[in-house]
Amino acid sequence: MPIEIIPEWMTSLEDEDVAFIKKFLQASGSLKEAAKQYGVTYPTVRLRLDRLIQKIQIAEDTSNEPYIALVKRLAVNDKIDFDTAKILISEYRKMKGGNENDW
């Protein structure tokens, strides 16, 4: 696929995310089969898929300000914990005069 037609949400994914999507599709979308391919448990694959879904949702949410999107990406990628992310976003929104309870 030419680079010009890659969806915006895909450009924010890491190589390992794309590899996971490929294996998941090759497993016909079966979490059980993907878990077998990776040699991990079903809950582990479910968690990986949930985090990938969160990454895609963050990338598609055009209403996010760049700072908020960055903090959310850091939390989804386990670079910071969710409580810290919520505090950072809340304080940022207070400074900007926005809704501090909107995660």
PDB file of N, CA and C in Angstrom:
ATOM      1  N   MET A   1       0.849  -1.165   0.000  1.00  0.00           N
ATOM      2  CA  MET A   1       0.000   0.000   0.000  1.00  0.00           C
ATOM      3  C   MET A   1       0.900   1.235   0.000  1.00  0.00           C
ATOM      4  N   PRO A   2       0.654   2.137  -0.924  1.00  0.00           N
ATOM      5  CA  PRO A   2       1.467   3.366  -0.950  1.00  0.00           C
ATOM      6  C   PRO A   2       1.325   4.135   0.364  1.00  0.00           C
ATOM      7  N   ILE A   3       2.396   4.746   0.791  1.00  0.00           N
ATOM      8  CA  ILE A   3       2.434   5.466   2.061  1.00  0.00           C
ATOM      9  C   ILE A   3       1.373   6.564   2.132  1.00  0.00           C
ATOM     10  N   GLU A   4       0.997   7.136   0.980  1.00  0.00           N
ATOM     11  CA  GLU A   4       0.027   8.229   0.975  1.00  0.00           C
ATOM     12  C   GLU A   4      -1.365   7.783   1.402  1.00  0.00           C
ATOM     13  N   ILE A   5      -1.679   6.481   1.283  1.00  0.00           N
ATOM     14  CA  ILE A   5      -3.036   6.043   1.621  1.00  0.00           C
ATOM     15  C   ILE A   5      -3.108   5.249   2.922  1.00  0.00           C
ATOM     16  N   ILE A   6      -2.025   5.222   3.678  1.00  0.00           N
ATOM     17  CA  ILE A   6      -2.069   4.584   4.992  1.00  0.00           C
ATOM     18  C   ILE A   6      -2.902   5.478   5.908  1.00  0.00           C
ATOM     19  N   PRO A   7      -3.897   4.885   6.571  1.00  0.00           N
ATOM     20  CA  PRO A   7      -4.737   5.693   7.472  1.00  0.00           C
ATOM     21  C   PRO A   7      -3.902   6.360   8.567  1.00  0.00           C
ATOM     22  N   GLU A   8      -4.321   7.529   8.971  1.00  0.00           N
ATOM     23  CA  GLU A   8      -3.599   8.305   9.981  1.00  0.00           C
ATOM     24  C   GLU A   8      -3.392   7.506  11.267  1.00  0.00           C
ATOM     25  N   TRP A   9      -4.414   6.741  11.680  1.00  0.00           N
ATOM     26  CA  TRP A   9      -4.303   5.992  12.931  1.00  0.00           C
ATOM     27  C   TRP A   9      -3.206   4.928  12.865  1.00  0.00           C
ATOM     28  N   MET A  10      -2.915   4.424  11.676  1.00  0.00           N
ATOM     29  CA  MET A  10      -1.875   3.399  11.548  1.00  0.00           C
ATOM     30  C   MET A  10      -0.475   3.991  11.682  1.00  0.00           C
ATOM     31  N   THR A  11      -0.328   5.253  11.353  1.00  0.00           N
ATOM     32  CA  THR A  11       0.998   5.866  11.422  1.00  0.00           C
ATOM     33  C   THR A  11       1.483   6.025  12.861  1.00  0.00           C
ATOM     34  N   SER A  12       0.556   5.992  13.816  1.00  0.00           N
ATOM     35  CA  SER A  12       0.948   6.146  15.219  1.00  0.00           C
ATOM     36  C   SER A  12       1.278   4.815  15.878  1.00  0.00           C
ATOM     37  N   LEU A  13       1.109   3.703  15.149  1.00  0.00           N
ATOM     38  CA  LEU A  13       1.381   2.392  15.721  1.00  0.00           C
ATOM     39  C   LEU A  13       2.850   2.021  15.579  1.00  0.00           C
ATOM     40  N   GLU A  14       3.337   1.269  16.545  1.00  0.00           N
ATOM     41  CA  GLU A  14       4.706   0.770  16.498  1.00  0.00           C
ATOM     42  C   GLU A  14       4.740  -0.490  15.637  1.00  0.00           C
ATOM     43  N   ASP A  15       5.927  -0.891  15.211  1.00  0.00           N
ATOM     44  CA  ASP A  15       6.078  -2.083  14.371  1.00  0.00           C
ATOM     45  C   ASP A  15       5.477  -3.317  15.028  1.00  0.00           C
ATOM     46  N   GLU A  16       5.670  -3.454  16.334  1.00  0.00           N
ATOM     47  CA  GLU A  16       5.132  -4.629  17.027  1.00  0.00           C
ATOM     48  C   GLU A  16       3.605  -4.617  17.052  1.00  0.00           C
ATOM     49  N   ASP A  17       2.989  -3.429  17.034  1.00  0.00           N
ATOM     50  CA  ASP A  17       1.534  -3.328  16.957  1.00  0.00           C
ATOM     51  C   ASP A  17       1.037  -3.840  15.606  1.00  0.00           C
ATOM     52  N   VAL A  18       1.717  -3.437  14.552  1.00  0.00           N
ATOM     53  CA  VAL A  18       1.344  -3.867  13.202  1.00  0.00           C
ATOM     54  C   VAL A  18       1.536  -5.380  13.069  1.00  0.00           C
ATOM     55  N   ALA A  19       2.618  -5.902  13.634  1.00  0.00           N
ATOM     56  CA  ALA A  19       2.866  -7.347  13.601  1.00  0.00           C
ATOM     57  C   ALA A  19       1.762  -8.098  14.349  1.00  0.00           C
ATOM     58  N   PHE A  20       1.317  -7.538  15.477  1.00  0.00           N
ATOM     59  CA  PHE A  20       0.226  -8.161  16.238  1.00  0.00           C
ATOM     60  C   PHE A  20      -1.049  -8.175  15.410  1.00  0.00           C
ATOM     61  N   ILE A  21      -1.366  -7.061  14.768  1.00  0.00           N
ATOM     62  CA  ILE A  21      -2.566  -6.994  13.935  1.00  0.00           C
ATOM     63  C   ILE A  21      -2.501  -8.061  12.843  1.00  0.00           C
ATOM     64  N   LYS A  22      -1.340  -8.200  12.212  1.00  0.00           N
ATOM     65  CA  LYS A  22      -1.172  -9.189  11.145  1.00  0.00           C
ATOM     66  C   LYS A  22      -1.411 -10.604  11.677  1.00  0.00           C
ATOM     67  N   LYS A  23      -0.782 -10.941  12.808  1.00  0.00           N
ATOM     68  CA  LYS A  23      -0.969 -12.282  13.378  1.00  0.00           C
ATOM     69  C   LYS A  23      -2.419 -12.505  13.805  1.00  0.00           C
ATOM     70  N   PHE A  24      -3.034 -11.481  14.352  1.00  0.00           N
ATOM     71  CA  PHE A  24      -4.426 -11.576  14.793  1.00  0.00           C
ATOM     72  C   PHE A  24      -5.335 -11.849  13.597  1.00  0.00           C
ATOM     73  N   LEU A  25      -5.094 -11.162  12.506  1.00  0.00           N
ATOM     74  CA  LEU A  25      -5.890 -11.394  11.296  1.00  0.00           C
ATOM     75  C   LEU A  25      -5.627 -12.785  10.717  1.00  0.00           C
ATOM     76  N   GLN A  26      -4.373 -13.211  10.737  1.00  0.00           N
ATOM     77  CA  GLN A  26      -4.043 -14.546  10.242  1.00  0.00           C
ATOM     78  C   GLN A  26      -4.686 -15.641  11.099  1.00  0.00           C
ATOM     79  N   ALA A  27      -4.965 -15.306  12.351  1.00  0.00           N
ATOM     80  CA  ALA A  27      -5.655 -16.240  13.253  1.00  0.00           C
ATOM     81  C   ALA A  27      -7.168 -16.087  13.120  1.00  0.00           C
ATOM     82  N   SER A  28      -7.619 -15.412  12.068  1.00  0.00           N
ATOM     83  CA  SER A  28      -9.044 -15.175  11.797  1.00  0.00           C
ATOM     84  C   SER A  28      -9.732 -14.433  12.935  1.00  0.00           C
ATOM     85  N   GLY A  29      -8.984 -13.603  13.623  1.00  0.00           N
ATOM     86  CA  GLY A  29      -9.555 -12.812  14.707  1.00  0.00           C
ATOM     87  C   GLY A  29      -9.812 -13.610  15.976  1.00  0.00           C
ATOM     88  N   SER A  30      -9.253 -14.800  16.049  1.00  0.00           N
ATOM     89  CA  SER A  30      -9.443 -15.654  17.222  1.00  0.00           C
ATOM     90  C   SER A  30      -8.384 -15.331  18.272  1.00  0.00           C
ATOM     91  N   LEU A  31      -8.833 -14.838  19.421  1.00  0.00           N
ATOM     92  CA  LEU A  31      -7.899 -14.549  20.505  1.00  0.00           C
ATOM     93  C   LEU A  31      -7.241 -15.833  20.998  1.00  0.00           C
ATOM     94  N   LYS A  32      -8.013 -16.907  21.021  1.00  0.00           N
ATOM     95  CA  LYS A  32      -7.479 -18.196  21.466  1.00  0.00           C
ATOM     96  C   LYS A  32      -6.350 -18.653  20.539  1.00  0.00           C
ATOM     97  N   GLU A  33      -6.557 -18.535  19.238  1.00  0.00           N
ATOM     98  CA  GLU A  33      -5.538 -18.940  18.266  1.00  0.00           C
ATOM     99  C   GLU A  33      -4.323 -18.010  18.335  1.00  0.00           C
ATOM    100  N   ALA A  34      -4.561 -16.713  18.492  1.00  0.00           N
ATOM    101  CA  ALA A  34      -3.445 -15.769  18.606  1.00  0.00           C
ATOM    102  C   ALA A  34      -2.622 -16.076  19.855  1.00  0.00           C
ATOM    103  N   ALA A  35      -3.293 -16.413  20.956  1.00  0.00           N
ATOM    104  CA  ALA A  35      -2.588 -16.768  22.188  1.00  0.00           C
ATOM    105  C   ALA A  35      -1.707 -17.992  21.958  1.00  0.00           C
ATOM    106  N   LYS A  36      -2.225 -18.959  21.210  1.00  0.00           N
ATOM    107  CA  LYS A  36      -1.446 -20.165  20.911  1.00  0.00           C
ATOM    108  C   LYS A  36      -0.222 -19.807  20.065  1.00  0.00           C
ATOM    109  N   GLN A  37      -0.405 -18.942  19.058  1.00  0.00           N
ATOM    110  CA  GLN A  37       0.707 -18.537  18.198  1.00  0.00           C
ATOM    111  C   GLN A  37       1.800 -17.818  18.984  1.00  0.00           C
ATOM    112  N   TYR A  38       1.397 -16.990  19.941  1.00  0.00           N
ATOM    113  CA  TYR A  38       2.361 -16.228  20.741  1.00  0.00           C
ATOM    114  C   TYR A  38       2.893 -17.028  21.934  1.00  0.00           C
ATOM    115  N   GLY A  39       2.218 -18.138  22.248  1.00  0.00           N
ATOM    116  CA  GLY A  39       2.640 -18.935  23.402  1.00  0.00           C
ATOM    117  C   GLY A  39       2.331 -18.268  24.721  1.00  0.00           C
ATOM    118  N   VAL A  40       1.209 -17.535  24.761  1.00  0.00           N
ATOM    119  CA  VAL A  40       0.790 -16.841  25.978  1.00  0.00           C
ATOM    120  C   VAL A  40      -0.663 -17.201  26.269  1.00  0.00           C
ATOM    121  N   THR A  41      -1.173 -16.693  27.374  1.00  0.00           N
ATOM    122  CA  THR A  41      -2.556 -16.995  27.750  1.00  0.00           C
ATOM    123  C   THR A  41      -3.546 -16.096  27.013  1.00  0.00           C
ATOM    124  N   TYR A  42      -4.782 -16.521  26.979  1.00  0.00           N
ATOM    125  CA  TYR A  42      -5.863 -15.741  26.375  1.00  0.00           C
ATOM    126  C   TYR A  42      -5.956 -14.340  26.997  1.00  0.00           C
ATOM    127  N   PRO A  43      -5.949 -14.225  28.358  1.00  0.00           N
ATOM    128  CA  PRO A  43      -6.036 -12.876  28.956  1.00  0.00           C
ATOM    129  C   PRO A  43      -4.892 -11.952  28.534  1.00  0.00           C
ATOM    130  N   THR A  44      -3.713 -12.522  28.297  1.00  0.00           N
ATOM    131  CA  THR A  44      -2.574 -11.710  27.863  1.00  0.00           C
ATOM    132  C   THR A  44      -2.844 -11.118  26.478  1.00  0.00           C
ATOM    133  N   VAL A  45      -3.377 -11.933  25.581  1.00  0.00           N
ATOM    134  CA  VAL A  45      -3.699 -11.455  24.234  1.00  0.00           C
ATOM    135  C   VAL A  45      -4.854 -10.457  24.295  1.00  0.00           C
ATOM    136  N   ARG A  46      -5.827 -10.705  25.148  1.00  0.00           N
ATOM    137  CA  ARG A  46      -6.969  -9.793  25.306  1.00  0.00           C
ATOM    138  C   ARG A  46      -6.476  -8.424  25.771  1.00  0.00           C
ATOM    139  N   LEU A  47      -5.569  -8.409  26.737  1.00  0.00           N
ATOM    140  CA  LEU A  47      -5.006  -7.148  27.240  1.00  0.00           C
ATOM    141  C   LEU A  47      -4.257  -6.418  26.135  1.00  0.00           C
ATOM    142  N   ARG A  48      -3.479  -7.155  25.363  1.00  0.00           N
ATOM    143  CA  ARG A  48      -2.725  -6.567  24.238  1.00  0.00           C
ATOM    144  C   ARG A  48      -3.679  -5.943  23.225  1.00  0.00           C
ATOM    145  N   LEU A  49      -4.754  -6.654  22.911  1.00  0.00           N
ATOM    146  CA  LEU A  49      -5.748  -6.145  21.965  1.00  0.00           C
ATOM    147  C   LEU A  49      -6.439  -4.904  22.524  1.00  0.00           C
ATOM    148  N   ASP A  50      -6.796  -4.936  23.805  1.00  0.00           N
ATOM    149  CA  ASP A  50      -7.445  -3.776  24.428  1.00  0.00           C
ATOM    150  C   ASP A  50      -6.548  -2.544  24.373  1.00  0.00           C
ATOM    151  N   ARG A  51      -5.262  -2.723  24.637  1.00  0.00           N
ATOM    152  CA  ARG A  51      -4.325  -1.589  24.579  1.00  0.00           C
ATOM    153  C   ARG A  51      -4.172  -1.071  23.155  1.00  0.00           C
ATOM    154  N   LEU A  52      -4.170  -1.983  22.205  1.00  0.00           N
ATOM    155  CA  LEU A  52      -4.088  -1.582  20.798  1.00  0.00           C
ATOM    156  C   LEU A  52      -5.329  -0.789  20.393  1.00  0.00           C
ATOM    157  N   ILE A  53      -6.473  -1.236  20.849  1.00  0.00           N
ATOM    158  CA  ILE A  53      -7.725  -0.507  20.579  1.00  0.00           C
ATOM    159  C   ILE A  53      -7.645   0.893  21.173  1.00  0.00           C
ATOM    160  N   GLN A  54      -7.124   1.010  22.392  1.00  0.00           N
ATOM    161  CA  GLN A  54      -6.977   2.322  23.029  1.00  0.00           C
ATOM    162  C   GLN A  54      -6.051   3.224  22.214  1.00  0.00           C
ATOM    163  N   LYS A  55      -4.941   2.671  21.731  1.00  0.00           N
ATOM    164  CA  LYS A  55      -4.011   3.455  20.914  1.00  0.00           C
ATOM    165  C   LYS A  55      -4.710   3.999  19.669  1.00  0.00           C
ATOM    166  N   ILE A  56      -5.490   3.139  19.024  1.00  0.00           N
ATOM    167  CA  ILE A  56      -6.185   3.551  17.801  1.00  0.00           C
ATOM    168  C   ILE A  56      -7.225   4.616  18.120  1.00  0.00           C
ATOM    169  N   GLN A  57      -7.961   4.445  19.207  1.00  0.00           N
ATOM    170  CA  GLN A  57      -8.963   5.440  19.597  1.00  0.00           C
ATOM    171  C   GLN A  57      -8.321   6.790  19.898  1.00  0.00           C
ATOM    172  N   ILE A  58      -7.189   6.774  20.569  1.00  0.00           N
ATOM    173  CA  ILE A  58      -6.482   8.023  20.869  1.00  0.00           C
ATOM    174  C   ILE A  58      -6.030   8.686  19.571  1.00  0.00           C
ATOM    175  N   ALA A  59      -5.501   7.884  18.650  1.00  0.00           N
ATOM    176  CA  ALA A  59      -5.021   8.431  17.375  1.00  0.00           C
ATOM    177  C   ALA A  59      -6.160   9.015  16.556  1.00  0.00           C
ATOM    178  N   GLU A  60      -7.348   8.426  16.658  1.00  0.00           N
ATOM    179  CA  GLU A  60      -8.487   8.901  15.867  1.00  0.00           C
ATOM    180  C   GLU A  60      -9.220  10.063  16.519  1.00  0.00           C
ATOM    181  N   ASP A  61      -8.998  10.279  17.797  1.00  0.00           N
ATOM    182  CA  ASP A  61      -9.707  11.339  18.506  1.00  0.00           C
ATOM    183  C   ASP A  61      -9.086  12.690  18.160  1.00  0.00           C
ATOM    184  N   THR A  62      -9.612  13.310  17.147  1.00  0.00           N
ATOM    185  CA  THR A  62      -9.053  14.575  16.672  1.00  0.00           C
ATOM    186  C   THR A  62      -9.348  15.735  17.610  1.00  0.00           C
ATOM    187  N   SER A  63     -10.250  15.507  18.585  1.00  0.00           N
ATOM    188  CA  SER A  63     -10.543  16.592  19.529  1.00  0.00           C
ATOM    189  C   SER A  63      -9.449  16.727  20.584  1.00  0.00           C
ATOM    190  N   ASN A  64      -8.583  15.716  20.700  1.00  0.00           N
ATOM    191  CA  ASN A  64      -7.485  15.777  21.671  1.00  0.00           C
ATOM    192  C   ASN A  64      -6.493  16.863  21.314  1.00  0.00           C
ATOM    193  N   GLU A  65      -6.076  17.556  22.325  1.00  0.00           N
ATOM    194  CA  GLU A  65      -4.974  18.485  22.140  1.00  0.00           C
ATOM    195  C   GLU A  65      -3.701  17.645  22.117  1.00  0.00           C
ATOM    196  N   PRO A  66      -2.670  18.094  21.445  1.00  0.00           N
ATOM    197  CA  PRO A  66      -1.439  17.290  21.336  1.00  0.00           C
ATOM    198  C   PRO A  66      -0.877  16.852  22.691  1.00  0.00           C
ATOM    199  N   TYR A  67      -0.892  17.726  23.679  1.00  0.00           N
ATOM    200  CA  TYR A  67      -0.357  17.369  24.994  1.00  0.00           C
ATOM    201  C   TYR A  67      -1.171  16.240  25.622  1.00  0.00           C
ATOM    202  N   ILE A  68      -2.485  16.355  25.561  1.00  0.00           N
ATOM    203  CA  ILE A  68      -3.362  15.338  26.148  1.00  0.00           C
ATOM    204  C   ILE A  68      -3.197  14.015  25.407  1.00  0.00           C
ATOM    205  N   ALA A  69      -3.110  14.069  24.091  1.00  0.00           N
ATOM    206  CA  ALA A  69      -2.909  12.849  23.306  1.00  0.00           C
ATOM    207  C   ALA A  69      -1.584  12.188  23.694  1.00  0.00           C
ATOM    208  N   LEU A  70      -0.536  12.986  23.900  1.00  0.00           N
ATOM    209  CA  LEU A  70       0.764  12.455  24.308  1.00  0.00           C
ATOM    210  C   LEU A  70       0.667  11.763  25.658  1.00  0.00           C
ATOM    211  N   VAL A  71       0.029  12.392  26.629  1.00  0.00           N
ATOM    212  CA  VAL A  71      -0.101  11.808  27.961  1.00  0.00           C
ATOM    213  C   VAL A  71      -0.880  10.494  27.885  1.00  0.00           C
ATOM    214  N   LYS A  72      -1.945  10.474  27.097  1.00  0.00           N
ATOM    215  CA  LYS A  72      -2.721   9.242  26.955  1.00  0.00           C
ATOM    216  C   LYS A  72      -1.900   8.137  26.296  1.00  0.00           C
ATOM    217  N   ARG A  73      -1.128   8.490  25.272  1.00  0.00           N
ATOM    218  CA  ARG A  73      -0.272   7.489  24.621  1.00  0.00           C
ATOM    219  C   ARG A  73       0.756   6.929  25.600  1.00  0.00           C
ATOM    220  N   LEU A  74       1.341   7.811  26.410  1.00  0.00           N
ATOM    221  CA  LEU A  74       2.316   7.356  27.405  1.00  0.00           C
ATOM    222  C   LEU A  74       1.680   6.383  28.393  1.00  0.00           C
ATOM    223  N   ALA A  75       0.443   6.658  28.789  1.00  0.00           N
ATOM    224  CA  ALA A  75      -0.250   5.770  29.723  1.00  0.00           C
ATOM    225  C   ALA A  75      -0.580   4.430  29.068  1.00  0.00           C
ATOM    226  N   VAL A  76      -1.084   4.462  27.858  1.00  0.00           N
ATOM    227  CA  VAL A  76      -1.421   3.225  27.154  1.00  0.00           C
ATOM    228  C   VAL A  76      -0.174   2.380  26.908  1.00  0.00           C
ATOM    229  N   ASN A  77       0.960   3.026  26.664  1.00  0.00           N
ATOM    230  CA  ASN A  77       2.216   2.314  26.409  1.00  0.00           C
ATOM    231  C   ASN A  77       2.977   1.977  27.693  1.00  0.00           C
ATOM    232  N   ASP A  78       2.330   2.160  28.846  1.00  0.00           N
ATOM    233  CA  ASP A  78       2.936   1.859  30.152  1.00  0.00           C
ATOM    234  C   ASP A  78       4.194   2.660  30.454  1.00  0.00           C
ATOM    235  N   LYS A  79       4.315   3.841  29.879  1.00  0.00           N
ATOM    236  CA  LYS A  79       5.446   4.714  30.189  1.00  0.00           C
ATOM    237  C   LYS A  79       5.165   5.506  31.462  1.00  0.00           C
ATOM    238  N   ILE A  80       3.879   5.779  31.718  1.00  0.00           N
ATOM    239  CA  ILE A  80       3.432   6.376  32.978  1.00  0.00           C
ATOM    240  C   ILE A  80       2.162   5.633  33.390  1.00  0.00           C
ATOM    241  N   ASP A  81       1.849   5.664  34.688  1.00  0.00           N
ATOM    242  CA  ASP A  81       0.644   4.968  35.134  1.00  0.00           C
ATOM    243  C   ASP A  81      -0.588   5.843  34.883  1.00  0.00           C
ATOM    244  N   PHE A  82      -1.758   5.203  34.894  1.00  0.00           N
ATOM    245  CA  PHE A  82      -2.992   5.912  34.561  1.00  0.00           C
ATOM    246  C   PHE A  82      -3.332   7.001  35.574  1.00  0.00           C
ATOM    247  N   ASP A  83      -3.031   6.777  36.852  1.00  0.00           N
ATOM    248  CA  ASP A  83      -3.304   7.812  37.858  1.00  0.00           C
ATOM    249  C   ASP A  83      -2.487   9.067  37.582  1.00  0.00           C
ATOM    250  N   THR A  84      -1.224   8.888  37.226  1.00  0.00           N
ATOM    251  CA  THR A  84      -0.372  10.032  36.892  1.00  0.00           C
ATOM    252  C   THR A  84      -0.903  10.735  35.647  1.00  0.00           C
ATOM    253  N   ALA A  85      -1.312   9.958  34.664  1.00  0.00           N
ATOM    254  CA  ALA A  85      -1.863  10.541  33.434  1.00  0.00           C
ATOM    255  C   ALA A  85      -3.100  11.379  33.743  1.00  0.00           C
ATOM    256  N   LYS A  86      -3.969  10.855  34.578  1.00  0.00           N
ATOM    257  CA  LYS A  86      -5.186  11.599  34.936  1.00  0.00           C
ATOM    258  C   LYS A  86      -4.849  12.915  35.637  1.00  0.00           C
ATOM    259  N   ILE A  87      -3.870  12.871  36.526  1.00  0.00           N
ATOM    260  CA  ILE A  87      -3.453  14.085  37.231  1.00  0.00           C
ATOM    261  C   ILE A  87      -2.896  15.109  36.236  1.00  0.00           C
ATOM    262  N   LEU A  88      -2.009  14.654  35.341  1.00  0.00           N
ATOM    263  CA  LEU A  88      -1.416  15.570  34.356  1.00  0.00           C
ATOM    264  C   LEU A  88      -2.487  16.205  33.476  1.00  0.00           C
ATOM    265  N   ILE A  89      -3.428  15.402  33.018  1.00  0.00           N
ATOM    266  CA  ILE A  89      -4.490  15.920  32.151  1.00  0.00           C
ATOM    267  C   ILE A  89      -5.399  16.868  32.928  1.00  0.00           C
ATOM    268  N   SER A  90      -5.729  16.494  34.150  1.00  0.00           N
ATOM    269  CA  SER A  90      -6.586  17.338  34.986  1.00  0.00           C
ATOM    270  C   SER A  90      -5.944  18.701  35.234  1.00  0.00           C
ATOM    271  N   GLU A  91      -4.664  18.696  35.611  1.00  0.00           N
ATOM    272  CA  GLU A  91      -3.966  19.956  35.873  1.00  0.00           C
ATOM    273  C   GLU A  91      -3.818  20.794  34.599  1.00  0.00           C
ATOM    274  N   TYR A  92      -3.560  20.136  33.497  1.00  0.00           N
ATOM    275  CA  TYR A  92      -3.451  20.845  32.211  1.00  0.00           C
ATOM    276  C   TYR A  92      -4.778  21.516  31.863  1.00  0.00           C
ATOM    277  N   ARG A  93      -5.864  20.780  32.049  1.00  0.00           N
ATOM    278  CA  ARG A  93      -7.183  21.345  31.722  1.00  0.00           C
ATOM    279  C   ARG A  93      -7.560  22.486  32.670  1.00  0.00           C
ATOM    280  N   LYS A  94      -7.144  22.379  33.935  1.00  0.00           N
ATOM    281  CA  LYS A  94      -7.392  23.480  34.872  1.00  0.00           C
ATOM    282  C   LYS A  94      -6.702  24.745  34.378  1.00  0.00           C
ATOM    283  N   MET A  95      -5.461  24.580  33.901  1.00  0.00           N
ATOM    284  CA  MET A  95      -4.701  25.730  33.395  1.00  0.00           C
ATOM    285  C   MET A  95      -5.374  26.317  32.157  1.00  0.00           C
ATOM    286  N   LYS A  96      -5.947  25.439  31.341  1.00  0.00           N
ATOM    287  CA  LYS A  96      -6.573  25.879  30.088  1.00  0.00           C
ATOM    288  C   LYS A  96      -8.033  26.265  30.285  1.00  0.00           C
ATOM    289  N   GLY A  97      -8.599  25.965  31.479  1.00  0.00           N
ATOM    290  CA  GLY A  97      -9.991  26.287  31.735  1.00  0.00           C
ATOM    291  C   GLY A  97     -10.967  25.264  31.171  1.00  0.00           C
ATOM    292  N   GLY A  98     -10.492  24.024  30.945  1.00  0.00           N
ATOM    293  CA  GLY A  98     -11.348  22.984  30.387  1.00  0.00           C
ATOM    294  C   GLY A  98     -11.942  22.085  31.437  1.00  0.00           C
ATOM    295  N   ASN A  99     -12.622  21.024  31.002  1.00  0.00           N
ATOM    296  CA  ASN A  99     -13.249  20.061  31.889  1.00  0.00           C
ATOM    297  C   ASN A  99     -12.202  19.100  32.409  1.00  0.00           C
ATOM    298  N   GLU A 100     -11.877  19.183  33.689  1.00  0.00           N
ATOM    299  CA  GLU A 100     -10.805  18.369  34.247  1.00  0.00           C
ATOM    300  C   GLU A 100     -11.206  16.920  34.463  1.00  0.00           C
ATOM    301  N   ASN A 101     -12.484  16.587  34.423  1.00  0.00           N
ATOM    302  CA  ASN A 101     -12.924  15.221  34.662  1.00  0.00           C
ATOM    303  C   ASN A 101     -13.031  14.389  33.395  1.00  0.00           C
ATOM    304  N   ASP A 102     -12.756  14.960  32.257  1.00  0.00           N
ATOM    305  CA  ASP A 102     -12.876  14.240  30.984  1.00  0.00           C
ATOM    306  C   ASP A 102     -11.593  13.509  30.668  1.00  0.00           C
ATOM    307  N   TRP A 103     -11.570  12.207  30.792  1.00  0.00           N
ATOM    308  CA  TRP A 103     -10.389  11.395  30.474  1.00  0.00           C
ATOM    309  C   TRP A 103     -10.554  10.938  29.099  1.00  0.00           C
TER     310      TRP A 103
END
